[in-house]
């Protein structure tokens, strides 16, 4: 389905505009304290926008890493199109905004006593708590794939040492080798991410190891922007990429990381030179320890504010949440952070909480001048999140080269803009 980008982005941001503009409000109790756990797209956004809306509220951000490396654009690092440093962001801008940043791990949440216990031994009391813990892997959910196995067959689904390990393995792989990726069933972080990764690895192979092949073993029969990806793969990389869907024996049931081998549900074995296993996932561990996850391993939230359905005064953002039809994406977490900040500021100042409005745009790069995207606008209605009818769409099939180049440029501009908005100002 084709769409006009300017119209789409205008409608997407219009609903959220009132939530993104700083409001000069005064906390009725200047001693109110909000603790935010997780300094990624959701948590850092919530901390910044809450401080802007309610300057008298004390806001403390807990994040172990002094530099946050983003999953968005990490695939470009694998392709050699981005340096590692270019996807890293520090927290100086948040400190400048008046936010206390503590580099430690949140180990436990005492929701009855409203305290967060840190790895340093420090205990922080809070009036409101925001959790943006990202994802953890379901170790052992895929037979043979545990944390030790990930050091041989990396998942690289958290930007950091795993991403660098995968890059090292790709660099060391001989020309003519095979890169095998195992892709999980929904839900998981960044639905288009594995398919962009395939394109970026193909880009690297085309320029450095042109005899190599890529095999994608998928535990589902369709995926985000499928037609666009397949068209782009074929146009740029010919038959280098093979995608095997679940019903065609794409479901991997067993991993032998030591021998870089996987086995499918039909008993087929595939040997890799580089094996990238993306396992089933769940909300980050601190969400479970805070008691906000349900039996699915994810966090049910109130659609209008992203407050937990299970624990009062705890708000949860981003990939950890059950927020369908919103995808688990950085842009989605960013807009959720703004909505949660507005809701918390309103509660602390005795004002009415506005109805949440959300947007998402996800750009994917297939080649240096070949970008595609999907976008949507969402709102809370009747206690649920729904997609605003007619608000979203995907890049058109069979678009010309200038359109694809423009999409690639939009993606780069989006990354710069959102990074500046959250960390780099």
Protein backbone atom coordinates (compact mmCIF):
# COMPACT_ATOMS: atom_id res chain seq x y z
CA UNK A 1 0.00 0.00 0.00
CA UNK A 2 1.44 3.35 -1.00
CA UNK A 3 1.22 6.40 1.22
CA UNK A 4 2.32 10.02 1.28
CA UNK A 5 5.13 10.27 3.82
CA UNK A 6 4.60 13.90 4.70
CA UNK A 7 0.90 13.29 5.29
CA UNK A 8 1.58 10.15 7.30
CA UNK A 9 4.19 11.70 9.58
CA UNK A 10 2.03 14.76 10.05
CA UNK A 11 -0.93 12.68 11.17
CA UNK A 12 1.29 10.39 13.21
CA UNK A 13 2.84 13.16 15.21
CA UNK A 14 -0.20 15.38 15.51
CA UNK A 15 -1.81 13.16 18.11
CA UNK A 16 1.34 12.98 20.17
CA UNK A 17 2.41 16.60 19.74
CA UNK A 18 0.83 17.77 22.96
CA UNK A 19 2.72 15.02 24.77
CA UNK A 20 6.12 15.85 23.32
CA UNK A 21 6.17 19.58 24.06
CA UNK A 22 7.60 20.44 27.48
CA UNK A 23 4.95 21.82 29.81
CA UNK A 24 5.76 24.21 32.66
CA UNK A 25 4.10 22.51 35.58
CA UNK A 26 4.79 22.63 39.30
CA UNK A 27 4.66 19.48 41.35
CA UNK A 28 2.31 19.93 44.27
CA UNK A 29 4.85 18.06 46.38
CA UNK A 30 8.37 19.13 45.46
CA UNK A 31 9.72 16.06 47.25
CA UNK A 32 8.10 13.59 44.83
CA UNK A 33 10.63 11.10 43.47
CA UNK A 34 10.34 9.10 40.24
CA UNK A 35 12.85 6.32 39.60
CA UNK A 36 13.36 5.15 36.02
CA UNK A 37 15.07 1.80 35.44
CA UNK A 38 16.63 1.41 31.99
CA UNK A 39 18.27 4.11 29.91
CA UNK A 40 17.20 3.02 26.43
CA UNK A 41 14.61 4.42 24.05
CA UNK A 42 11.75 4.18 26.55
CA UNK A 43 13.36 4.91 29.91
CA UNK A 44 15.64 7.77 28.88
CA UNK A 45 12.74 9.40 27.02
CA UNK A 46 10.46 9.11 30.03
CA UNK A 47 13.09 10.59 32.34
CA UNK A 48 13.81 13.56 30.05
CA UNK A 49 10.18 14.42 29.30
CA UNK A 50 9.02 13.96 32.89
CA UNK A 51 11.70 16.36 34.12
CA UNK A 52 10.65 18.85 31.44
CA UNK A 53 6.98 18.60 32.39
CA UNK A 54 7.46 18.58 36.15
CA UNK A 55 10.77 20.34 36.93
CA UNK A 56 10.30 20.15 40.71
CA UNK A 57 10.03 16.37 40.68
CA UNK A 58 13.22 14.50 41.44
CA UNK A 59 13.95 12.09 38.59
CA UNK A 60 16.59 9.35 38.94
CA UNK A 61 17.62 7.15 36.03
CA UNK A 62 19.22 3.76 36.77
CA UNK A 63 21.29 2.31 33.93
CA UNK A 64 24.35 0.01 34.24
CA UNK A 65 26.02 1.10 30.99
CA UNK A 66 27.82 4.42 30.76
CA UNK A 67 27.37 4.25 26.98
CA UNK A 68 24.10 2.93 25.54
CA UNK A 69 24.51 1.12 22.21
CA UNK A 70 21.33 0.99 20.14
CA UNK A 71 19.91 -2.08 18.46
CA UNK A 72 18.60 0.19 15.67
CA UNK A 73 21.47 0.67 13.20
CA UNK A 74 23.53 -2.15 14.78
CA UNK A 75 22.87 -4.17 11.61
CA UNK A 76 24.63 -1.41 9.66
CA UNK A 77 27.66 -1.97 11.87
CA UNK A 78 27.67 -5.63 10.76
CA UNK A 79 27.63 -4.44 7.14
CA UNK A 80 30.55 -2.10 7.68
CA UNK A 81 28.35 0.92 7.00
CA UNK A 82 28.55 2.27 10.56
CA UNK A 83 31.30 2.39 13.15
CA UNK A 84 30.67 0.93 16.58
CA UNK A 85 31.08 4.33 18.23
CA UNK A 86 28.42 5.86 15.98
CA UNK A 87 25.65 3.85 17.66
CA UNK A 88 26.79 4.64 21.22
CA UNK A 89 25.22 7.40 23.33
CA UNK A 90 26.23 8.84 26.69
CA UNK A 91 24.06 10.30 29.43
CA UNK A 92 25.65 13.75 29.82
CA UNK A 93 22.67 15.40 28.13
CA UNK A 94 20.25 13.86 30.62
CA UNK A 95 22.37 15.03 33.54
CA UNK A 96 22.40 18.50 32.01
CA UNK A 97 18.59 18.37 31.98
CA UNK A 98 18.58 17.90 35.76
CA UNK A 99 18.20 14.12 35.89
CA UNK A 100 20.25 12.12 38.38
CA UNK A 101 21.90 9.24 36.51
CA UNK A 102 23.24 6.28 38.49
CA UNK A 103 25.27 3.65 36.66
CA UNK A 104 24.25 0.52 38.52
CA UNK A 105 22.01 -2.49 38.06
CA UNK A 106 18.54 -2.60 39.57
CA UNK A 107 18.46 -5.99 41.27
CA UNK A 108 15.09 -5.99 42.97
CA UNK A 109 11.93 -3.96 43.43
CA UNK A 110 10.04 -3.89 46.72
CA UNK A 111 6.70 -2.68 45.41
CA UNK A 112 5.05 -2.80 48.84
CA UNK A 113 7.73 -0.57 50.36
CA UNK A 114 8.23 1.35 47.09
CA UNK A 115 11.97 0.80 46.98
CA UNK A 116 14.43 -0.17 44.24
CA UNK A 117 17.49 -2.12 45.41
CA UNK A 118 20.66 -1.55 43.39
CA UNK A 119 23.72 -3.71 42.76
CA UNK A 120 25.74 -1.15 44.76
CA UNK A 121 23.70 -1.94 47.87
CA UNK A 122 21.88 1.37 47.65
CA UNK A 123 18.09 1.44 48.15
CA UNK A 124 16.06 4.16 46.43
CA UNK A 125 12.55 5.07 47.58
CA UNK A 126 10.09 6.16 44.92
CA UNK A 127 6.62 7.62 44.51
CA UNK A 128 6.35 6.40 40.92
CA UNK A 129 8.52 3.79 39.20
CA UNK A 130 9.17 3.47 35.47
CA UNK A 131 10.61 0.21 34.17
CA UNK A 132 12.07 0.05 30.68
CA UNK A 133 14.04 -3.19 30.98
CA UNK A 134 14.09 -4.33 27.37
CA UNK A 135 14.24 -8.06 26.76
CA UNK A 136 15.95 -11.12 28.12
CA UNK A 137 16.48 -14.39 26.28
CA UNK A 138 14.50 -17.48 27.19
CA UNK A 139 17.56 -19.62 27.70
CA UNK A 140 16.75 -23.29 27.12
CA UNK A 141 13.46 -22.63 25.33
CA UNK A 142 15.26 -23.76 22.18
CA UNK A 143 16.97 -27.07 22.91
CA UNK A 144 20.73 -26.70 23.14
CA UNK A 145 20.73 -22.92 23.20
CA UNK A 146 21.72 -21.41 26.52
CA UNK A 147 23.91 -18.48 27.53
CA UNK A 148 27.09 -20.49 27.07
CA UNK A 149 26.01 -21.49 23.57
CA UNK A 150 25.55 -17.82 22.68
CA UNK A 151 29.31 -17.35 22.97
CA UNK A 152 29.70 -19.73 20.02
CA UNK A 153 26.51 -18.92 18.11
CA UNK A 154 25.70 -15.32 19.11
CA UNK A 155 22.20 -13.92 19.14
CA UNK A 156 23.40 -10.29 18.89
CA UNK A 157 19.87 -9.21 19.85
CA UNK A 158 21.16 -6.86 22.54
CA UNK A 159 23.59 -4.34 21.09
CA UNK A 160 26.95 -4.86 22.79
CA UNK A 161 29.57 -7.62 23.04
CA UNK A 162 27.30 -10.09 21.22
CA UNK A 163 27.06 -7.75 18.22
CA UNK A 164 30.82 -7.31 18.17
CA UNK A 165 31.31 -11.08 18.40
CA UNK A 166 29.04 -11.68 15.42
CA UNK A 167 30.94 -9.05 13.44
CA UNK A 168 34.25 -10.76 14.27
CA UNK A 169 32.86 -14.11 13.13
CA UNK A 170 31.64 -12.65 9.84
CA UNK A 171 35.02 -11.04 9.23
CA UNK A 172 36.80 -14.34 9.89
CA UNK A 173 34.45 -16.47 7.75
CA UNK A 174 36.00 -17.75 4.50
CA UNK A 175 34.58 -16.66 1.16
CA UNK A 176 32.11 -19.32 0.08
CA UNK A 177 30.97 -19.97 3.63
CA UNK A 178 27.40 -20.15 4.88
CA UNK A 179 25.74 -17.77 7.34
CA UNK A 180 22.72 -19.37 9.02
CA UNK A 181 20.21 -17.33 11.01
CA UNK A 182 17.55 -18.85 13.27
CA UNK A 183 14.49 -16.57 13.60
CA UNK A 184 11.88 -16.99 16.39
CA UNK A 185 8.12 -16.90 16.35
CA UNK A 186 6.35 -13.70 17.41
CA UNK A 187 6.49 -11.79 19.67
CA UNK A 188 10.11 -10.63 19.75
CA UNK A 189 12.12 -7.42 19.68
CA UNK A 190 12.12 -5.55 16.35
CA UNK A 191 10.02 -7.71 13.97
CA UNK A 192 11.82 -6.51 10.78
CA UNK A 193 15.27 -6.76 12.41
CA UNK A 194 16.31 -10.27 11.27
CA UNK A 195 15.45 -9.49 7.66
CA UNK A 196 17.35 -6.21 7.65
CA UNK A 197 20.27 -8.11 9.21
CA UNK A 198 20.14 -10.61 6.36
CA UNK A 199 20.35 -7.73 3.88
CA UNK A 200 23.23 -6.06 5.70
CA UNK A 201 25.19 -9.32 5.95
CA UNK A 202 24.52 -9.83 2.23
CA UNK A 203 25.84 -6.32 1.56
CA UNK A 204 29.03 -7.21 3.42
CA UNK A 205 29.36 -10.53 1.59
CA UNK A 206 28.75 -8.93 -1.81
CA UNK A 207 31.71 -6.62 -1.30
CA UNK A 208 34.05 -8.93 0.63
CA UNK A 209 32.95 -12.59 0.34
CA UNK A 210 30.84 -12.81 -2.84
CA UNK A 211 30.73 -16.63 -3.00
CA UNK A 212 29.02 -16.88 0.40
CA UNK A 213 25.40 -17.79 1.08
CA UNK A 214 22.78 -16.84 3.68
CA UNK A 215 20.14 -19.25 4.99
CA UNK A 216 17.23 -17.94 7.08
CA UNK A 217 15.33 -20.57 9.07
CA UNK A 218 12.11 -18.98 10.30
CA UNK A 219 9.61 -20.17 12.91
CA UNK A 220 6.73 -18.40 11.12
CA UNK A 221 5.23 -18.21 7.64
CA UNK A 222 5.27 -14.45 7.13
CA UNK A 223 7.08 -11.41 8.46
CA UNK A 224 7.05 -7.61 8.57
CA UNK A 225 7.54 -5.93 5.17
CA UNK A 226 7.95 -9.37 3.62
CA UNK A 227 7.26 -8.47 -0.02
CA UNK A 228 9.52 -5.44 0.17
CA UNK A 229 12.38 -7.37 1.71
CA UNK A 230 12.18 -10.25 -0.76
CA UNK A 231 12.04 -7.84 -3.69
CA UNK A 232 15.03 -5.90 -2.35
CA UNK A 233 17.08 -9.02 -1.61
CA UNK A 234 16.54 -10.28 -5.16
CA UNK A 235 17.32 -6.92 -6.76
CA UNK A 236 20.56 -6.35 -4.88
CA UNK A 237 21.85 -9.82 -3.99
CA UNK A 238 20.35 -12.27 -6.48
CA UNK A 239 20.07 -15.75 -4.95
CA UNK A 240 22.49 -15.13 -2.08
CA UNK A 241 19.66 -15.13 0.52
CA UNK A 242 17.36 -18.13 1.00
CA UNK A 243 14.39 -17.77 3.36
CA UNK A 244 12.70 -20.96 4.60
CA UNK A 245 9.33 -20.43 6.28
CA UNK A 246 8.01 -22.51 9.15
CA UNK A 247 5.67 -24.67 7.07
CA UNK A 248 8.49 -25.44 4.62
CA UNK A 249 10.70 -26.83 7.42
CA UNK A 250 12.06 -23.53 8.70
CA UNK A 251 11.37 -24.22 12.38
CA UNK A 252 14.57 -25.00 14.26
CA UNK A 253 14.05 -27.27 17.27
CA UNK A 254 17.63 -28.07 18.31
CA UNK A 255 20.95 -26.21 18.30
CA UNK A 256 24.44 -27.71 18.46
CA UNK A 257 26.46 -24.57 19.01
CA UNK A 258 29.76 -26.38 19.37
CA UNK A 259 29.47 -27.83 15.87
CA UNK A 260 27.57 -24.81 14.46
CA UNK A 261 24.69 -27.06 13.45
CA UNK A 262 20.91 -26.84 13.81
CA UNK A 263 18.12 -29.36 13.36
CA UNK A 264 14.61 -28.53 12.12
CA UNK A 265 11.24 -29.97 13.07
CA UNK A 266 11.37 -32.29 10.03
CA UNK A 267 14.79 -33.61 11.07
CA UNK A 268 16.84 -31.66 8.52
CA UNK A 269 20.31 -30.67 9.69
CA UNK A 270 22.03 -27.49 8.55
CA UNK A 271 25.72 -26.79 9.09
CA UNK A 272 26.92 -23.18 9.31
CA UNK A 273 30.23 -21.39 9.14
CA UNK A 274 28.67 -18.59 11.18
CA UNK A 275 25.53 -19.35 13.19
CA UNK A 276 23.28 -16.54 14.44
CA UNK A 277 20.55 -17.85 16.75
CA UNK A 278 17.83 -15.39 17.78
CA UNK A 279 15.98 -17.27 20.55
CA UNK A 280 12.52 -16.73 22.06
CA UNK A 281 12.42 -13.74 24.39
CA UNK A 282 10.66 -12.27 27.42
CA UNK A 283 10.60 -9.05 29.42
CA UNK A 284 13.85 -8.07 31.16
CA UNK A 285 14.42 -9.80 34.50
CA UNK A 286 13.69 -6.77 36.72
CA UNK A 287 10.11 -6.72 35.38
CA UNK A 288 9.61 -10.26 36.65
CA UNK A 289 11.17 -9.38 39.99
CA UNK A 290 8.86 -6.39 40.28
CA UNK A 291 5.84 -8.67 39.80
CA UNK A 292 4.55 -6.95 36.66
CA UNK A 293 4.89 -9.86 34.19
CA UNK A 294 2.11 -12.35 33.55
CA UNK A 295 2.28 -15.99 32.45
CA UNK A 296 3.45 -14.99 28.98
CA UNK A 297 6.64 -13.49 30.37
CA UNK A 298 5.62 -10.04 29.12
CA UNK A 299 4.00 -7.08 30.92
CA UNK A 300 0.30 -6.20 30.59
CA UNK A 301 -0.18 -2.43 30.74
CA UNK A 302 -3.00 0.13 30.87
CA UNK A 303 -3.26 1.46 27.35
CA UNK A 304 -3.88 5.08 28.31
CA UNK A 305 -0.75 5.51 30.46
CA UNK A 306 1.40 2.34 30.32
CA UNK A 307 0.95 1.85 34.03
CA UNK A 308 1.19 -1.82 34.97
CA UNK A 309 -2.12 -3.66 35.17
CA UNK A 310 -0.76 -5.70 38.07
CA UNK A 311 1.09 -3.23 40.31
CA UNK A 312 -0.01 0.33 41.06
CA UNK A 313 2.43 3.22 40.51
CA UNK A 314 4.70 1.13 38.29
CA UNK A 315 4.86 2.06 34.61
CA UNK A 316 6.46 -0.22 32.01
CA UNK A 317 7.68 0.78 28.55
CA UNK A 318 9.04 -0.60 25.34
CA UNK A 319 9.90 -4.14 24.30
CA UNK A 320 8.93 -5.63 27.68
CA UNK A 321 5.25 -4.79 27.29
CA UNK A 322 2.17 -6.40 25.80
CA UNK A 323 1.24 -3.48 23.56
CA UNK A 324 0.04 -5.04 20.29
CA UNK A 325 -0.75 -3.82 17.71
CA UNK A 326 2.23 -1.56 18.47
CA UNK A 327 5.46 -3.35 17.53
CA UNK A 328 8.42 -3.81 19.85
CA UNK A 329 10.53 -1.00 18.38
CA UNK A 330 12.68 1.92 19.49
CA UNK A 331 10.29 4.49 18.05
CA UNK A 332 7.35 2.83 19.83
CA UNK A 333 9.22 2.89 23.15
CA UNK A 334 10.04 6.56 22.61
CA UNK A 335 6.40 7.55 22.16
CA UNK A 336 5.35 5.33 25.06
CA UNK A 337 7.90 7.11 27.25
CA UNK A 338 6.37 10.48 26.38
CA UNK A 339 2.85 9.27 27.15
CA UNK A 340 3.94 7.76 30.49
CA UNK A 341 5.80 10.96 31.40
CA UNK A 342 2.68 13.01 30.71
CA UNK A 343 0.53 10.64 32.78
CA UNK A 344 2.93 10.66 35.74
CA UNK A 345 3.33 14.44 35.65
CA UNK A 346 -0.45 14.84 35.58
CA UNK A 347 -0.92 12.55 38.59
CA UNK A 348 1.80 14.27 40.61
CA UNK A 349 0.30 17.69 39.89
CA UNK A 350 -3.33 16.69 40.37
CA UNK A 351 -4.30 17.14 36.75
CA UNK A 352 -6.39 14.94 34.46
CA UNK A 353 -4.42 12.34 32.54
CA UNK A 354 -4.79 12.90 28.79
CA UNK A 355 -5.67 10.07 26.43
CA UNK A 356 -2.52 8.45 25.11
CA UNK A 357 -1.60 8.85 21.44
CA UNK A 358 1.25 6.92 19.86
CA UNK A 359 3.19 6.67 16.61
CA UNK A 360 5.71 4.29 15.10
CA UNK A 361 7.88 4.40 12.02
CA UNK A 362 10.37 1.64 11.35
CA UNK A 363 12.97 2.07 8.62
CA UNK A 364 14.97 -0.85 7.29
CA UNK A 365 18.02 -0.67 5.05
CA UNK A 366 18.46 -3.25 2.31
CA UNK A 367 21.39 -1.55 0.57
CA UNK A 368 23.32 1.70 0.82
CA UNK A 369 20.69 3.60 -1.20
CA UNK A 370 17.78 1.22 -0.70
CA UNK A 371 15.48 1.84 2.25
CA UNK A 372 11.96 0.67 3.10
CA UNK A 373 9.62 1.52 5.96
CA UNK A 374 6.42 0.75 7.81
CA UNK A 375 4.48 3.25 9.91
CA UNK A 376 1.41 3.35 12.11
CA UNK A 377 -0.53 5.57 14.50
CA UNK A 378 -2.19 4.15 17.62
CA UNK A 379 -4.51 5.29 20.38
CA UNK A 380 -6.06 3.95 23.55
CA UNK A 381 -9.75 3.21 23.28
CA UNK A 382 -11.88 1.27 25.73
CA UNK A 383 -8.81 0.26 27.71
CA UNK A 384 -7.08 -1.20 24.68
CA UNK A 385 -4.53 -0.04 22.14
CA UNK A 386 -5.84 0.14 18.59
CA UNK A 387 -4.36 1.25 15.30
CA UNK A 388 -5.99 4.40 13.96
CA UNK A 389 -7.79 3.30 10.77
CA UNK A 390 -6.10 4.49 7.59
CA UNK A 391 -3.18 6.03 9.45
CA UNK A 392 -0.27 3.81 8.49
CA UNK A 393 1.22 1.91 5.65
CA UNK A 394 4.35 0.54 4.09
CA UNK A 395 6.62 1.64 1.30
CA UNK A 396 5.20 0.77 -2.12
CA UNK A 397 6.40 -2.24 -4.05
CA UNK A 398 8.18 -1.50 -7.33
CA UNK A 399 9.16 2.04 -6.29
CA UNK A 400 11.93 3.62 -8.35
CA UNK A 401 15.53 4.11 -7.24
CA UNK A 402 14.98 7.71 -6.14
CA UNK A 403 12.20 6.64 -3.77
CA UNK A 404 14.33 3.89 -2.23
CA UNK A 405 17.24 6.30 -1.84
CA UNK A 406 14.97 8.84 -0.15
CA UNK A 407 13.75 6.17 2.28
CA UNK A 408 17.36 5.33 3.16
CA UNK A 409 18.02 9.02 3.81
CA UNK A 410 14.84 9.30 5.92
CA UNK A 411 16.05 6.38 8.02
CA UNK A 412 19.41 8.01 8.70
CA UNK A 413 17.69 11.30 9.54
CA UNK A 414 15.27 9.51 11.88
CA UNK A 415 18.15 7.90 13.76
CA UNK A 416 19.97 11.21 14.19
CA UNK A 417 16.79 13.00 15.28
CA UNK A 418 15.63 10.44 17.82
CA UNK A 419 19.14 10.04 19.27
CA UNK A 420 19.36 13.80 19.70
CA UNK A 421 15.89 13.95 21.22
CA UNK A 422 16.72 11.29 23.83
CA UNK A 423 20.44 11.42 24.67
CA UNK A 424 22.51 13.84 22.63
CA UNK A 425 21.27 17.30 23.61
